[in-house]
PDB file of all heavy atoms in Angstrom:
ATOM      1  N   ASP A   1      -5.814   6.145 -10.993  1.00  0.00           N
ATOM      2  CA  ASP A   1      -6.888   5.592 -11.895  1.00  0.00           C
ATOM      3  C   ASP A   1      -7.167   4.124 -11.574  1.00  0.00           C
ATOM      4  O   ASP A   1      -8.273   3.744 -11.536  1.00  0.00           O
ATOM      5  CB  ASP A   1      -6.482   5.686 -13.388  1.00  0.00           C
ATOM      6  CG  ASP A   1      -6.377   7.167 -13.804  1.00  0.00           C
ATOM      7  OD1 ASP A   1      -7.043   8.039 -13.134  1.00  0.00           O
ATOM      8  OD2 ASP A   1      -5.657   7.489 -14.816  1.00  0.00           O
ATOM      9  N   VAL A   2      -6.178   3.382 -11.340  1.00  0.00           N
ATOM     10  CA  VAL A   2      -6.281   1.871 -11.033  1.00  0.00           C
ATOM     11  C   VAL A   2      -7.042   1.773  -9.678  1.00  0.00           C
ATOM     12  O   VAL A   2      -8.025   0.946  -9.628  1.00  0.00           O
ATOM     13  CB  VAL A   2      -4.896   1.177 -10.985  1.00  0.00           C
ATOM     14  CG1 VAL A   2      -5.014  -0.202 -10.410  1.00  0.00           C
ATOM     15  CG2 VAL A   2      -4.320   1.169 -12.372  1.00  0.00           C
ATOM     16  N   ILE A   3      -6.688   2.561  -8.726  1.00  0.00           N
ATOM     17  CA  ILE A   3      -7.355   2.427  -7.476  1.00  0.00           C
ATOM     18  C   ILE A   3      -8.849   2.811  -7.549  1.00  0.00           C
ATOM     19  O   ILE A   3      -9.745   2.150  -6.964  1.00  0.00           O
ATOM     20  CB  ILE A   3      -6.692   3.349  -6.434  1.00  0.00           C
ATOM     21  CG1 ILE A   3      -5.241   2.758  -6.082  1.00  0.00           C
ATOM     22  CG2 ILE A   3      -7.446   3.434  -5.095  1.00  0.00           C
ATOM     23  CD1 ILE A   3      -4.393   3.647  -5.328  1.00  0.00           C
ATOM     24  N   ASP A   4      -9.113   3.903  -8.289  1.00  0.00           N
ATOM     25  CA  ASP A   4     -10.443   4.292  -8.532  1.00  0.00           C
ATOM     26  C   ASP A   4     -11.307   3.179  -9.261  1.00  0.00           C
ATOM     27  O   ASP A   4     -12.470   2.948  -8.881  1.00  0.00           O
ATOM     28  CB  ASP A   4     -10.558   5.550  -9.335  1.00  0.00           C
ATOM     29  CG  ASP A   4     -10.074   6.778  -8.519  1.00  0.00           C
ATOM     30  OD1 ASP A   4     -10.018   6.705  -7.259  1.00  0.00           O
ATOM     31  OD2 ASP A   4      -9.731   7.838  -9.209  1.00  0.00           O
ATOM     32  N   VAL A   5     -10.709   2.600 -10.250  1.00  0.00           N
ATOM     33  CA  VAL A   5     -11.372   1.471 -10.942  1.00  0.00           C
ATOM     34  C   VAL A   5     -11.760   0.323 -10.040  1.00  0.00           C
ATOM     35  O   VAL A   5     -12.879  -0.177 -10.005  1.00  0.00           O
ATOM     36  CB  VAL A   5     -10.624   1.000 -12.174  1.00  0.00           C
ATOM     37  CG1 VAL A   5     -11.097  -0.340 -12.664  1.00  0.00           C
ATOM     38  CG2 VAL A   5     -10.609   2.050 -13.271  1.00  0.00           C
ATOM     39  N   ILE A   6     -10.722  -0.086  -9.250  1.00  0.00           N
ATOM     40  CA  ILE A   6     -10.920  -1.187  -8.368  1.00  0.00           C
ATOM     41  C   ILE A   6     -12.026  -0.846  -7.263  1.00  0.00           C
ATOM     42  O   ILE A   6     -12.922  -1.715  -7.062  1.00  0.00           O
ATOM     43  CB  ILE A   6      -9.639  -1.706  -7.703  1.00  0.00           C
ATOM     44  CG1 ILE A   6      -8.679  -2.159  -8.771  1.00  0.00           C
ATOM     45  CG2 ILE A   6      -9.876  -2.736  -6.676  1.00  0.00           C
ATOM     46  CD1 ILE A   6      -7.351  -2.418  -8.312  1.00  0.00           C
ATOM     47  N   LYS A   7     -11.988   0.357  -6.738  1.00  0.00           N
ATOM     48  CA  LYS A   7     -12.910   0.762  -5.689  1.00  0.00           C
ATOM     49  C   LYS A   7     -14.319   0.743  -6.333  1.00  0.00           C
ATOM     50  O   LYS A   7     -15.278   0.233  -5.719  1.00  0.00           O
ATOM     51  CB  LYS A   7     -12.588   2.047  -5.135  1.00  0.00           C
ATOM     52  CG  LYS A   7     -11.466   2.075  -4.173  1.00  0.00           C
ATOM     53  CD  LYS A   7     -11.164   3.426  -3.425  1.00  0.00           C
ATOM     54  CE  LYS A   7     -11.704   4.595  -4.034  1.00  0.00           C
ATOM     55  NZ  LYS A   7     -11.148   5.840  -3.276  1.00  0.00           N
ATOM     56  N   LYS A   8     -14.413   1.331  -7.509  1.00  0.00           N
ATOM     57  CA  LYS A   8     -15.775   1.398  -8.136  1.00  0.00           C
ATOM     58  C   LYS A   8     -16.359   0.078  -8.608  1.00  0.00           C
ATOM     59  O   LYS A   8     -17.490  -0.234  -8.285  1.00  0.00           O
ATOM     60  CB  LYS A   8     -15.686   2.361  -9.293  1.00  0.00           C
ATOM     61  CG  LYS A   8     -16.972   2.562 -10.122  1.00  0.00           C
ATOM     62  CD  LYS A   8     -16.732   3.649 -11.189  1.00  0.00           C
ATOM     63  CE  LYS A   8     -17.248   3.120 -12.521  1.00  0.00           C
ATOM     64  NZ  LYS A   8     -16.879   3.899 -13.630  1.00  0.00           N
ATOM     65  N   LYS A   9     -15.540  -0.764  -9.223  1.00  0.00           N
ATOM     66  CA  LYS A   9     -16.053  -2.053  -9.801  1.00  0.00           C
ATOM     67  C   LYS A   9     -16.073  -3.145  -8.709  1.00  0.00           C
ATOM     68  O   LYS A   9     -16.931  -4.096  -8.964  1.00  0.00           O
ATOM     69  CB  LYS A   9     -15.095  -2.469 -10.969  1.00  0.00           C
ATOM     70  CG  LYS A   9     -15.336  -1.510 -12.153  1.00  0.00           C
ATOM     71  CD  LYS A   9     -16.721  -1.499 -12.685  1.00  0.00           C
ATOM     72  CE  LYS A   9     -16.976  -0.566 -13.815  1.00  0.00           C
ATOM     73  NZ  LYS A   9     -18.279  -0.597 -14.281  1.00  0.00           N
ATOM     74  N   ALA A  10     -15.368  -3.151  -7.680  1.00  0.00           N
ATOM     75  CA  ALA A  10     -15.365  -4.179  -6.717  1.00  0.00           C
ATOM     76  C   ALA A  10     -16.369  -3.928  -5.531  1.00  0.00           C
ATOM     77  O   ALA A  10     -16.639  -4.809  -4.740  1.00  0.00           O
ATOM     78  CB  ALA A  10     -14.034  -4.447  -6.107  1.00  0.00           C
ATOM     79  N   HIS A  11     -16.933  -2.767  -5.553  1.00  0.00           N
ATOM     80  CA  HIS A  11     -17.820  -2.305  -4.526  1.00  0.00           C
ATOM     81  C   HIS A  11     -19.190  -2.958  -4.560  1.00  0.00           C
ATOM     82  O   HIS A  11     -19.790  -2.938  -5.659  1.00  0.00           O
ATOM     83  CB  HIS A  11     -17.942  -0.762  -4.583  1.00  0.00           C
ATOM     84  CG  HIS A  11     -18.815  -0.260  -3.466  1.00  0.00           C
ATOM     85  ND1 HIS A  11     -20.150   0.055  -3.711  1.00  0.00           N
ATOM     86  CD2 HIS A  11     -18.638   0.050  -2.201  1.00  0.00           C
ATOM     87  CE1 HIS A  11     -20.725   0.526  -2.554  1.00  0.00           C
ATOM     88  NE2 HIS A  11     -19.845   0.480  -1.662  1.00  0.00           N
ATOM     89  N   THR A  12     -19.691  -3.557  -3.495  1.00  0.00           N
ATOM     90  CA  THR A  12     -21.039  -4.022  -3.401  1.00  0.00           C
ATOM     91  C   THR A  12     -21.758  -3.365  -2.245  1.00  0.00           C
ATOM     92  O   THR A  12     -22.985  -3.362  -2.163  1.00  0.00           O
ATOM     93  CB  THR A  12     -21.100  -5.539  -3.176  1.00  0.00           C
ATOM     94  OG1 THR A  12     -20.589  -5.814  -1.860  1.00  0.00           O
ATOM     95  CG2 THR A  12     -20.315  -6.352  -4.164  1.00  0.00           C
ATOM     96  N   GLY A  13     -21.020  -2.727  -1.298  1.00  0.00           N
ATOM     97  CA  GLY A  13     -21.574  -2.050  -0.250  1.00  0.00           C
ATOM     98  C   GLY A  13     -21.794  -3.011   0.969  1.00  0.00           C
ATOM     99  O   GLY A  13     -22.354  -2.627   2.048  1.00  0.00           O
ATOM    100  N   ARG A  14     -21.453  -4.204   0.829  1.00  0.00           N
ATOM    101  CA  ARG A  14     -21.635  -5.219   1.890  1.00  0.00           C
ATOM    102  C   ARG A  14     -20.279  -5.644   2.445  1.00  0.00           C
ATOM    103  O   ARG A  14     -19.201  -5.377   1.824  1.00  0.00           O
ATOM    104  CB  ARG A  14     -22.260  -6.502   1.315  1.00  0.00           C
ATOM    105  CG  ARG A  14     -23.666  -6.319   0.884  1.00  0.00           C
ATOM    106  CD  ARG A  14     -24.407  -7.599   0.505  1.00  0.00           C
ATOM    107  NE  ARG A  14     -23.765  -8.288  -0.520  1.00  0.00           N
ATOM    108  CZ  ARG A  14     -24.022  -8.267  -1.803  1.00  0.00           C
ATOM    109  NH1 ARG A  14     -25.035  -7.612  -2.185  1.00  0.00           N
ATOM    110  NH2 ARG A  14     -23.421  -9.083  -2.681  1.00  0.00           N
ATOM    111  N   ILE A  15     -20.285  -6.111   3.727  1.00  0.00           N
ATOM    112  CA  ILE A  15     -19.073  -6.513   4.344  1.00  0.00           C
ATOM    113  C   ILE A  15     -18.330  -7.538   3.516  1.00  0.00           C
ATOM    114  O   ILE A  15     -18.946  -8.331   2.856  1.00  0.00           O
ATOM    115  CB  ILE A  15     -19.342  -6.945   5.806  1.00  0.00           C
ATOM    116  CG1 ILE A  15     -18.047  -7.013   6.545  1.00  0.00           C
ATOM    117  CG2 ILE A  15     -19.995  -8.248   5.723  1.00  0.00           C
ATOM    118  CD1 ILE A  15     -18.272  -7.096   8.080  1.00  0.00           C
ATOM    119  N   GLY A  16     -16.987  -7.445   3.441  1.00  0.00           N
ATOM    120  CA  GLY A  16     -16.187  -8.310   2.806  1.00  0.00           C
ATOM    121  C   GLY A  16     -15.928  -7.933   1.298  1.00  0.00           C
ATOM    122  O   GLY A  16     -15.421  -8.780   0.506  1.00  0.00           O
ATOM    123  N   ASP A  17     -16.075  -6.675   0.925  1.00  0.00           N
ATOM    124  CA  ASP A  17     -15.787  -6.213  -0.370  1.00  0.00           C
ATOM    125  C   ASP A  17     -14.299  -6.268  -0.682  1.00  0.00           C
ATOM    126  O   ASP A  17     -13.857  -6.428  -1.824  1.00  0.00           O
ATOM    127  CB  ASP A  17     -16.225  -4.676  -0.572  1.00  0.00           C
ATOM    128  CG  ASP A  17     -17.697  -4.602  -1.066  1.00  0.00           C
ATOM    129  OD1 ASP A  17     -18.272  -5.686  -1.337  1.00  0.00           O
ATOM    130  OD2 ASP A  17     -18.132  -3.480  -1.004  1.00  0.00           O
ATOM    131  N   GLY A  18     -13.414  -6.276   0.329  1.00  0.00           N
ATOM    132  CA  GLY A  18     -11.987  -6.377   0.073  1.00  0.00           C
ATOM    133  C   GLY A  18     -11.156  -5.228   0.521  1.00  0.00           C
ATOM    134  O   GLY A  18     -11.576  -4.278   1.212  1.00  0.00           O
ATOM    135  N   LYS A  19      -9.816  -5.353   0.129  1.00  0.00           N
ATOM    136  CA  LYS A  19      -8.825  -4.226   0.443  1.00  0.00           C
ATOM    137  C   LYS A  19      -7.965  -4.034  -0.789  1.00  0.00           C
ATOM    138  O   LYS A  19      -7.810  -4.942  -1.532  1.00  0.00           O
ATOM    139  CB  LYS A  19      -8.029  -4.749   1.608  1.00  0.00           C
ATOM    140  CG  LYS A  19      -8.745  -5.002   2.891  1.00  0.00           C
ATOM    141  CD  LYS A  19      -8.403  -3.953   3.882  1.00  0.00           C
ATOM    142  CE  LYS A  19      -9.047  -3.938   5.213  1.00  0.00           C
ATOM    143  NZ  LYS A  19      -9.844  -4.992   5.651  1.00  0.00           N
ATOM    144  N   ILE A  20      -7.298  -2.918  -0.795  1.00  0.00           N
ATOM    145  CA  ILE A  20      -6.335  -2.624  -1.834  1.00  0.00           C
ATOM    146  C   ILE A  20      -5.067  -2.132  -1.005  1.00  0.00           C
ATOM    147  O   ILE A  20      -5.034  -1.375  -0.103  1.00  0.00           O
ATOM    148  CB  ILE A  20      -6.783  -1.372  -2.717  1.00  0.00           C
ATOM    149  CG1 ILE A  20      -8.059  -1.763  -3.354  1.00  0.00           C
ATOM    150  CG2 ILE A  20      -5.666  -1.018  -3.689  1.00  0.00           C
ATOM    151  CD1 ILE A  20      -8.722  -0.599  -4.116  1.00  0.00           C
ATOM    152  N   PHE A  21      -3.911  -2.823  -1.461  1.00  0.00           N
ATOM    153  CA  PHE A  21      -2.626  -2.506  -0.886  1.00  0.00           C
ATOM    154  C   PHE A  21      -1.684  -1.944  -2.017  1.00  0.00           C
ATOM    155  O   PHE A  21      -1.698  -2.465  -3.065  1.00  0.00           O
ATOM    156  CB  PHE A  21      -1.966  -3.768  -0.335  1.00  0.00           C
ATOM    157  CG  PHE A  21      -2.842  -4.513   0.656  1.00  0.00           C
ATOM    158  CD1 PHE A  21      -3.740  -5.519   0.260  1.00  0.00           C
ATOM    159  CD2 PHE A  21      -2.904  -4.155   2.017  1.00  0.00           C
ATOM    160  CE1 PHE A  21      -4.493  -6.228   1.133  1.00  0.00           C
ATOM    161  CE2 PHE A  21      -3.737  -4.783   2.893  1.00  0.00           C
ATOM    162  CZ  PHE A  21      -4.444  -5.809   2.497  1.00  0.00           C
ATOM    163  N   ILE A  22      -0.969  -0.923  -1.664  1.00  0.00           N
ATOM    164  CA  ILE A  22      -0.133  -0.223  -2.594  1.00  0.00           C
ATOM    165  C   ILE A  22       1.276  -0.216  -1.973  1.00  0.00           C
ATOM    166  O   ILE A  22       1.454   0.181  -0.861  1.00  0.00           O
ATOM    167  CB  ILE A  22      -0.541   1.164  -2.925  1.00  0.00           C
ATOM    168  CG1 ILE A  22      -1.975   1.215  -3.493  1.00  0.00           C
ATOM    169  CG2 ILE A  22       0.407   1.840  -3.872  1.00  0.00           C
ATOM    170  CD1 ILE A  22      -2.970   1.627  -2.516  1.00  0.00           C
ATOM    171  N   SER A  23       2.261  -0.625  -2.784  1.00  0.00           N
ATOM    172  CA  SER A  23       3.661  -0.631  -2.274  1.00  0.00           C
ATOM    173  C   SER A  23       4.555  -0.196  -3.415  1.00  0.00           C
ATOM    174  O   SER A  23       4.199  -0.254  -4.618  1.00  0.00           O
ATOM    175  CB  SER A  23       4.084  -1.958  -1.721  1.00  0.00           C
ATOM    176  OG  SER A  23       3.807  -2.981  -2.725  1.00  0.00           O
ATOM    177  N   SER A  24       5.759   0.330  -3.078  1.00  0.00           N
ATOM    178  CA  SER A  24       6.676   0.815  -4.076  1.00  0.00           C
ATOM    179  C   SER A  24       7.509  -0.392  -4.622  1.00  0.00           C
ATOM    180  O   SER A  24       7.789  -1.297  -3.934  1.00  0.00           O
ATOM    181  CB  SER A  24       7.615   1.785  -3.461  1.00  0.00           C
ATOM    182  OG  SER A  24       6.979   3.022  -3.070  1.00  0.00           O
ATOM    183  N   VAL A  25       7.788  -0.212  -5.981  1.00  0.00           N
ATOM    184  CA  VAL A  25       8.572  -1.216  -6.597  1.00  0.00           C
ATOM    185  C   VAL A  25       9.902  -0.561  -7.104  1.00  0.00           C
ATOM    186  O   VAL A  25       9.815   0.503  -7.817  1.00  0.00           O
ATOM    187  CB  VAL A  25       7.822  -1.865  -7.864  1.00  0.00           C
ATOM    188  CG1 VAL A  25       8.724  -2.727  -8.678  1.00  0.00           C
ATOM    189  CG2 VAL A  25       6.665  -2.508  -7.425  1.00  0.00           C
ATOM    190  N   GLU A  26      10.986  -1.116  -6.732  1.00  0.00           N
ATOM    191  CA  GLU A  26      12.293  -0.512  -7.073  1.00  0.00           C
ATOM    192  C   GLU A  26      12.697  -0.776  -8.534  1.00  0.00           C
ATOM    193  O   GLU A  26      13.190   0.086  -9.211  1.00  0.00           O
ATOM    194  CB  GLU A  26      13.290  -0.971  -6.098  1.00  0.00           C
ATOM    195  CG  GLU A  26      13.244  -0.464  -4.727  1.00  0.00           C
ATOM    196  CD  GLU A  26      14.331  -0.851  -3.836  1.00  0.00           C
ATOM    197  OE1 GLU A  26      15.551  -0.990  -4.356  1.00  0.00           O
ATOM    198  OE2 GLU A  26      14.120  -1.068  -2.670  1.00  0.00           O
ATOM    199  N   GLU A  27      12.433  -1.981  -9.051  1.00  0.00           N
ATOM    200  CA  GLU A  27      12.913  -2.315 -10.317  1.00  0.00           C
ATOM    201  C   GLU A  27      12.016  -3.478 -10.846  1.00  0.00           C
ATOM    202  O   GLU A  27      11.542  -4.255 -10.120  1.00  0.00           O
ATOM    203  CB  GLU A  27      14.273  -2.763 -10.329  1.00  0.00           C
ATOM    204  CG  GLU A  27      15.003  -3.019 -11.670  1.00  0.00           C
ATOM    205  CD  GLU A  27      15.031  -1.843 -12.572  1.00  0.00           C
ATOM    206  OE1 GLU A  27      16.048  -1.055 -12.429  1.00  0.00           O
ATOM    207  OE2 GLU A  27      14.068  -1.591 -13.340  1.00  0.00           O
ATOM    208  N   VAL A  28      11.853  -3.581 -12.157  1.00  0.00           N
ATOM    209  CA  VAL A  28      11.184  -4.613 -12.851  1.00  0.00           C
ATOM    210  C   VAL A  28      12.130  -5.112 -14.028  1.00  0.00           C
ATOM    211  O   VAL A  28      12.723  -4.234 -14.585  1.00  0.00           O
ATOM    212  CB  VAL A  28       9.890  -4.169 -13.516  1.00  0.00           C
ATOM    213  CG1 VAL A  28       9.315  -5.253 -14.246  1.00  0.00           C
ATOM    214  CG2 VAL A  28       8.969  -3.649 -12.389  1.00  0.00           C
ATOM    215  N   VAL A  29      12.242  -6.410 -14.191  1.00  0.00           N
ATOM    216  CA  VAL A  29      13.130  -6.952 -15.290  1.00  0.00           C
ATOM    217  C   VAL A  29      12.280  -7.937 -15.980  1.00  0.00           C
ATOM    218  O   VAL A  29      11.769  -8.876 -15.436  1.00  0.00           O
ATOM    219  CB  VAL A  29      14.398  -7.575 -14.669  1.00  0.00           C
ATOM    220  CG1 VAL A  29      15.186  -8.208 -15.734  1.00  0.00           C
ATOM    221  CG2 VAL A  29      15.155  -6.598 -13.801  1.00  0.00           C
ATOM    222  N   ARG A  30      12.211  -7.762 -17.331  1.00  0.00           N
ATOM    223  CA  ARG A  30      11.517  -8.791 -18.167  1.00  0.00           C
ATOM    224  C   ARG A  30      12.599  -9.828 -18.501  1.00  0.00           C
ATOM    225  O   ARG A  30      13.678  -9.582 -19.046  1.00  0.00           O
ATOM    226  CB  ARG A  30      11.053  -8.134 -19.480  1.00  0.00           C
ATOM    227  CG  ARG A  30      10.249  -9.081 -20.385  1.00  0.00           C
ATOM    228  CD  ARG A  30       9.992  -8.441 -21.669  1.00  0.00           C
ATOM    229  NE  ARG A  30       9.296  -7.208 -21.482  1.00  0.00           N
ATOM    230  CZ  ARG A  30       7.978  -6.945 -21.517  1.00  0.00           C
ATOM    231  NH1 ARG A  30       7.191  -7.928 -21.737  1.00  0.00           N
ATOM    232  NH2 ARG A  30       7.483  -5.726 -21.332  1.00  0.00           N
ATOM    233  N   ILE A  31      12.265 -11.122 -18.127  1.00  0.00           N
ATOM    234  CA  ILE A  31      13.270 -12.238 -18.284  1.00  0.00           C
ATOM    235  C   ILE A  31      13.584 -12.477 -19.696  1.00  0.00           C
ATOM    236  O   ILE A  31      14.740 -12.654 -19.995  1.00  0.00           O
ATOM    237  CB  ILE A  31      12.696 -13.405 -17.517  1.00  0.00           C
ATOM    238  CG1 ILE A  31      12.487 -13.170 -16.001  1.00  0.00           C
ATOM    239  CG2 ILE A  31      13.608 -14.640 -17.806  1.00  0.00           C
ATOM    240  CD1 ILE A  31      11.775 -14.282 -15.303  1.00  0.00           C
ATOM    241  N   ARG A  32      12.632 -12.497 -20.512  1.00  0.00           N
ATOM    242  CA  ARG A  32      12.880 -12.810 -21.940  1.00  0.00           C
ATOM    243  C   ARG A  32      13.820 -11.906 -22.599  1.00  0.00           C
ATOM    244  O   ARG A  32      14.741 -12.310 -23.306  1.00  0.00           O
ATOM    245  CB  ARG A  32      11.601 -12.887 -22.774  1.00  0.00           C
ATOM    246  CG  ARG A  32      11.692 -13.247 -24.218  1.00  0.00           C
ATOM    247  CD  ARG A  32      10.331 -13.334 -24.927  1.00  0.00           C
ATOM    248  NE  ARG A  32       9.573 -12.019 -24.818  1.00  0.00           N
ATOM    249  CZ  ARG A  32       9.615 -11.104 -25.669  1.00  0.00           C
ATOM    250  NH1 ARG A  32      10.397 -11.112 -26.587  1.00  0.00           N
ATOM    251  NH2 ARG A  32       8.856 -10.013 -25.443  1.00  0.00           N
ATOM    252  N   THR A  33      13.696 -10.592 -22.443  1.00  0.00           N
ATOM    253  CA  THR A  33      14.471  -9.581 -23.206  1.00  0.00           C
ATOM    254  C   THR A  33      15.558  -8.933 -22.450  1.00  0.00           C
ATOM    255  O   THR A  33      16.366  -8.285 -22.906  1.00  0.00           O
ATOM    256  CB  THR A  33      13.544  -8.578 -23.819  1.00  0.00           C
ATOM    257  OG1 THR A  33      12.873  -7.799 -22.741  1.00  0.00           O
ATOM    258  CG2 THR A  33      12.471  -9.131 -24.778  1.00  0.00           C
ATOM    259  N   GLY A  34      15.449  -8.947 -21.096  1.00  0.00           N
ATOM    260  CA  GLY A  34      16.333  -8.207 -20.240  1.00  0.00           C
ATOM    261  C   GLY A  34      15.985  -6.716 -20.057  1.00  0.00           C
ATOM    262  O   GLY A  34      16.734  -6.014 -19.355  1.00  0.00           O
ATOM    263  N   GLU A  35      14.829  -6.286 -20.624  1.00  0.00           N
ATOM    264  CA  GLU A  35      14.408  -4.872 -20.477  1.00  0.00           C
ATOM    265  C   GLU A  35      14.182  -4.716 -18.910  1.00  0.00           C
ATOM    266  O   GLU A  35      13.780  -5.518 -18.227  1.00  0.00           O
ATOM    267  CB  GLU A  35      13.004  -4.655 -21.136  1.00  0.00           C
ATOM    268  CG  GLU A  35      13.201  -4.785 -22.695  1.00  0.00           C
ATOM    269  CD  GLU A  35      11.882  -4.712 -23.427  1.00  0.00           C
ATOM    270  OE1 GLU A  35      11.105  -5.710 -23.279  1.00  0.00           O
ATOM    271  OE2 GLU A  35      11.606  -3.640 -24.077  1.00  0.00           O
ATOM    272  N   THR A  36      14.287  -3.444 -18.567  1.00  0.00           N
ATOM    273  CA  THR A  36      14.139  -3.023 -17.189  1.00  0.00           C
ATOM    274  C   THR A  36      13.225  -1.810 -17.129  1.00  0.00           C
ATOM    275  O   THR A  36      13.037  -1.080 -18.049  1.00  0.00           O
ATOM    276  CB  THR A  36      15.482  -2.813 -16.551  1.00  0.00           C
ATOM    277  OG1 THR A  36      16.145  -1.651 -17.126  1.00  0.00           O
ATOM    278  CG2 THR A  36      16.387  -3.931 -16.452  1.00  0.00           C
ATOM    279  N   GLY A  37      12.799  -1.521 -15.841  1.00  0.00           N
ATOM    280  CA  GLY A  37      11.955  -0.318 -15.593  1.00  0.00           C
ATOM    281  C   GLY A  37      10.688  -0.356 -16.282  1.00  0.00           C
ATOM    282  O   GLY A  37      10.072  -1.340 -16.436  1.00  0.00           O
ATOM    283  N   LYS A  38      10.269   0.853 -16.786  1.00  0.00           N
ATOM    284  CA  LYS A  38       8.982   1.101 -17.426  1.00  0.00           C
ATOM    285  C   LYS A  38       8.757   0.163 -18.678  1.00  0.00           C
ATOM    286  O   LYS A  38       7.761  -0.371 -18.961  1.00  0.00           O
ATOM    287  CB  LYS A  38       8.762   2.483 -17.762  1.00  0.00           C
ATOM    288  CG  LYS A  38       7.496   2.894 -18.325  1.00  0.00           C
ATOM    289  CD  LYS A  38       7.406   4.359 -18.648  1.00  0.00           C
ATOM    290  CE  LYS A  38       6.081   4.742 -19.157  1.00  0.00           C
ATOM    291  NZ  LYS A  38       5.940   6.171 -19.526  1.00  0.00           N
TER     292      LYS A  38
END
């Protein structure tokens, strides 16, 4: 859904519209609370 939104809303049809890069994330930690993951 995120990729579709970016492709749709950032598109102008002219050169230089940009790129999207996707990579895996192993872990996320919220510094304030120590929560992890989702």
